[in-house]
Amino acid sequence: MAEAPPTEYFIQGITSKGRKFRPSDWSERLAGVMSCFGPGAKGPNARLQYSLYVRPTLIGDLKVVILDSRLRDIEPMAFDFVLNFAKDNDLVVTEACELPAHHGTQQKTAENA
């Protein structure tokens, strides 16, 4: 049986009142602080690269940080730090899960062949 995909939390750069969060580089700063947590991280002296578990992105023109629930397994305090950052700054957080690659594709069967 296939393992369930991890939950991801989309921390949006917008408050619950609809205001854009500042400073404008907040997502890069937050992801940069968390860069030493995750697979391949080599501690504080490693070459800076974003963690696979905390990564900034853009959705439309909105800055978003995607927090992977697998961070909780390797460093619960780091996971809590990111979610508390969102809570303390009244940011909108949406919980989702990554869909498998074959999701939404039509399977060819004998009936529709």
C-alpha atoms as a PDB file:
ATOM      1  CA  MET A   1       0.000   0.000   0.000  1.00  0.00           C
ATOM      2  CA  ALA A   2       1.308   3.446  -0.922  1.00  0.00           C
ATOM      3  CA  GLU A   3       2.315   5.793   1.865  1.00  0.00           C
ATOM      4  CA  ALA A   4       0.021   8.784   2.301  1.00  0.00           C
ATOM      5  CA  PRO A   5       1.534  12.046   1.057  1.00  0.00           C
ATOM      6  CA  PRO A   6       2.621  14.468   3.780  1.00  0.00           C
ATOM      7  CA  THR A   7       0.452  17.388   4.776  1.00  0.00           C
ATOM      8  CA  GLU A   8       1.660  20.790   3.663  1.00  0.00           C
ATOM      9  CA  TYR A   9       0.748  24.103   5.248  1.00  0.00           C
ATOM     10  CA  PHE A  10       0.551  27.109   2.936  1.00  0.00           C
ATOM     11  CA  ILE A  11       1.382  30.189   4.977  1.00  0.00           C
ATOM     12  CA  GLN A  12       0.132  33.103   2.925  1.00  0.00           C
ATOM     13  CA  GLY A  13       1.557  36.609   3.065  1.00  0.00           C
ATOM     14  CA  ILE A  14      -1.815  38.049   3.896  1.00  0.00           C
ATOM     15  CA  THR A  15      -3.445  38.580   7.278  1.00  0.00           C
ATOM     16  CA  SER A  16      -6.879  37.339   8.231  1.00  0.00           C
ATOM     17  CA  LYS A  17      -8.045  40.951   7.731  1.00  0.00           C
ATOM     18  CA  GLY A  18      -6.826  40.937   4.097  1.00  0.00           C
ATOM     19  CA  ARG A  19      -3.725  43.113   4.555  1.00  0.00           C
ATOM     20  CA  LYS A  20      -0.459  42.236   2.803  1.00  0.00           C
ATOM     21  CA  PHE A  21       2.219  41.154   5.263  1.00  0.00           C
ATOM     22  CA  ARG A  22       5.420  43.189   5.471  1.00  0.00           C
ATOM     23  CA  PRO A  23       8.364  43.241   5.033  1.00  0.00           C
ATOM     24  CA  SER A  24       8.122  42.183   1.413  1.00  0.00           C
ATOM     25  CA  ASP A  25      10.912  39.596   1.786  1.00  0.00           C
ATOM     26  CA  TRP A  26       9.337  37.861   4.815  1.00  0.00           C
ATOM     27  CA  SER A  27       9.015  34.496   3.052  1.00  0.00           C
ATOM     28  CA  GLU A  28      12.673  34.371   2.032  1.00  0.00           C
ATOM     29  CA  ARG A  29      13.754  35.408   5.545  1.00  0.00           C
ATOM     30  CA  LEU A  30      11.612  32.751   7.223  1.00  0.00           C
ATOM     31  CA  ALA A  31      12.729  30.007   4.827  1.00  0.00           C
ATOM     32  CA  GLY A  32      16.349  31.127   5.211  1.00  0.00           C
ATOM     33  CA  VAL A  33      16.185  30.770   9.005  1.00  0.00           C
ATOM     34  CA  MET A  34      14.836  27.246   8.572  1.00  0.00           C
ATOM     35  CA  SER A  35      17.363  26.213   5.886  1.00  0.00           C
ATOM     36  CA  CYS A  36      19.401  24.037   8.263  1.00  0.00           C
ATOM     37  CA  PHE A  37      16.439  21.715   8.955  1.00  0.00           C
ATOM     38  CA  GLY A  38      15.734  18.945   6.510  1.00  0.00           C
ATOM     39  CA  PRO A  39      17.376  16.266   4.405  1.00  0.00           C
ATOM     40  CA  GLY A  40      20.862  17.167   3.236  1.00  0.00           C
ATOM     41  CA  ALA A  41      21.255  20.035   5.713  1.00  0.00           C
ATOM     42  CA  LYS A  42      24.730  20.160   7.188  1.00  0.00           C
ATOM     43  CA  GLY A  43      24.301  22.581  10.070  1.00  0.00           C
ATOM     44  CA  PRO A  44      24.860  26.310  10.433  1.00  0.00           C
ATOM     45  CA  ASN A  45      28.006  26.426   8.247  1.00  0.00           C
ATOM     46  CA  ALA A  46      26.414  24.720   5.247  1.00  0.00           C
ATOM     47  CA  ARG A  47      25.981  26.519   1.958  1.00  0.00           C
ATOM     48  CA  LEU A  48      22.633  28.254   2.178  1.00  0.00           C
ATOM     49  CA  GLN A  49      19.837  26.510   0.364  1.00  0.00           C
ATOM     50  CA  TYR A  50      16.200  26.340   1.307  1.00  0.00           C
ATOM     51  CA  SER A  51      15.023  23.272   3.170  1.00  0.00           C
ATOM     52  CA  LEU A  52      12.724  20.900   1.307  1.00  0.00           C
ATOM     53  CA  TYR A  53      10.429  21.270   4.315  1.00  0.00           C
ATOM     54  CA  VAL A  54      10.169  25.085   4.444  1.00  0.00           C
ATOM     55  CA  ARG A  55      10.260  26.784   1.089  1.00  0.00           C
ATOM     56  CA  PRO A  56       9.142  30.156  -0.238  1.00  0.00           C
ATOM     57  CA  THR A  57       7.088  30.447  -3.401  1.00  0.00           C
ATOM     58  CA  LEU A  58       4.711  32.758  -5.213  1.00  0.00           C
ATOM     59  CA  ILE A  59       1.099  31.902  -5.893  1.00  0.00           C
ATOM     60  CA  GLY A  60      -0.074  34.566  -8.276  1.00  0.00           C
ATOM     61  CA  ASP A  61       1.365  37.736  -6.748  1.00  0.00           C
ATOM     62  CA  LEU A  62       1.084  36.459  -3.176  1.00  0.00           C
ATOM     63  CA  LYS A  63       4.172  35.340  -1.257  1.00  0.00           C
ATOM     64  CA  VAL A  64       3.691  31.970   0.416  1.00  0.00           C
ATOM     65  CA  VAL A  65       5.823  29.685   2.570  1.00  0.00           C
ATOM     66  CA  ILE A  66       5.089  25.978   2.209  1.00  0.00           C
ATOM     67  CA  LEU A  67       5.692  24.063   5.435  1.00  0.00           C
ATOM     68  CA  ASP A  68       5.942  20.286   5.096  1.00  0.00           C
ATOM     69  CA  SER A  69       4.618  18.249   8.038  1.00  0.00           C
ATOM     70  CA  ARG A  70       7.673  15.940   7.851  1.00  0.00           C
ATOM     71  CA  LEU A  71       9.626  18.725   9.602  1.00  0.00           C
ATOM     72  CA  ARG A  72       7.618  17.884  12.730  1.00  0.00           C
ATOM     73  CA  ASP A  73       9.149  14.374  12.694  1.00  0.00           C
ATOM     74  CA  ILE A  74      12.764  15.556  12.601  1.00  0.00           C
ATOM     75  CA  GLU A  75      12.525  18.799  14.606  1.00  0.00           C
ATOM     76  CA  PRO A  76       9.207  19.512  16.350  1.00  0.00           C
ATOM     77  CA  MET A  77      10.410  22.850  17.771  1.00  0.00           C
ATOM     78  CA  ALA A  78      11.304  24.139  14.293  1.00  0.00           C
ATOM     79  CA  PHE A  79       7.896  23.053  12.983  1.00  0.00           C
ATOM     80  CA  ASP A  80       6.167  24.823  15.869  1.00  0.00           C
ATOM     81  CA  PHE A  81       8.315  27.930  15.319  1.00  0.00           C
ATOM     82  CA  VAL A  82       7.074  28.314  11.736  1.00  0.00           C
ATOM     83  CA  LEU A  83       3.409  27.774  12.618  1.00  0.00           C
ATOM     84  CA  ASN A  84       3.694  30.124  15.599  1.00  0.00           C
ATOM     85  CA  PHE A  85       5.266  32.749  13.333  1.00  0.00           C
ATOM     86  CA  ALA A  86       2.152  32.555  11.163  1.00  0.00           C
ATOM     87  CA  LYS A  87      -0.157  32.674  14.185  1.00  0.00           C
ATOM     88  CA  ASP A  88       1.684  35.560  15.867  1.00  0.00           C
ATOM     89  CA  ASN A  89       1.491  37.607  12.648  1.00  0.00           C
ATOM     90  CA  ASP A  90      -2.156  36.696  11.934  1.00  0.00           C
ATOM     91  CA  LEU A  91      -1.241  35.099   8.588  1.00  0.00           C
ATOM     92  CA  VAL A  92      -3.671  32.904   6.689  1.00  0.00           C
ATOM     93  CA  VAL A  93      -2.646  29.223   6.832  1.00  0.00           C
ATOM     94  CA  THR A  94      -4.205  26.617   4.567  1.00  0.00           C
ATOM     95  CA  GLU A  95      -3.644  22.921   5.164  1.00  0.00           C
ATOM     96  CA  ALA A  96      -3.383  20.693   2.105  1.00  0.00           C
ATOM     97  CA  CYS A  97      -1.726  17.514   0.949  1.00  0.00           C
ATOM     98  CA  GLU A  98       0.354  16.846  -2.108  1.00  0.00           C
ATOM     99  CA  LEU A  99      -1.612  14.938  -4.709  1.00  0.00           C
ATOM    100  CA  PRO A 100      -0.081  11.826  -6.261  1.00  0.00           C
ATOM    101  CA  ALA A 101       1.276  12.273  -9.792  1.00  0.00           C
ATOM    102  CA  HIS A 102      -1.505  10.164 -11.313  1.00  0.00           C
ATOM    103  CA  HIS A 103      -4.309  12.096  -9.570  1.00  0.00           C
ATOM    104  CA  GLY A 104      -6.883  13.357 -12.035  1.00  0.00           C
ATOM    105  CA  THR A 105      -5.575  11.364 -14.976  1.00  0.00           C
ATOM    106  CA  GLN A 106      -7.976   9.035 -16.618  1.00  0.00           C
ATOM    107  CA  GLN A 107      -6.976   5.380 -16.406  1.00  0.00           C
ATOM    108  CA  LYS A 108      -7.453   3.487 -19.652  1.00  0.00           C
ATOM    109  CA  THR A 109      -9.637   0.439 -19.098  1.00  0.00           C
ATOM    110  CA  ALA A 110     -11.134  -2.163 -21.367  1.00  0.00           C
ATOM    111  CA  GLU A 111     -14.459  -0.271 -21.218  1.00  0.00           C
ATOM    112  CA  ASN A 112     -13.159   2.997 -22.642  1.00  0.00           C
ATOM    113  CA  ALA A 113     -10.410   1.625 -24.844  1.00  0.00           C
END
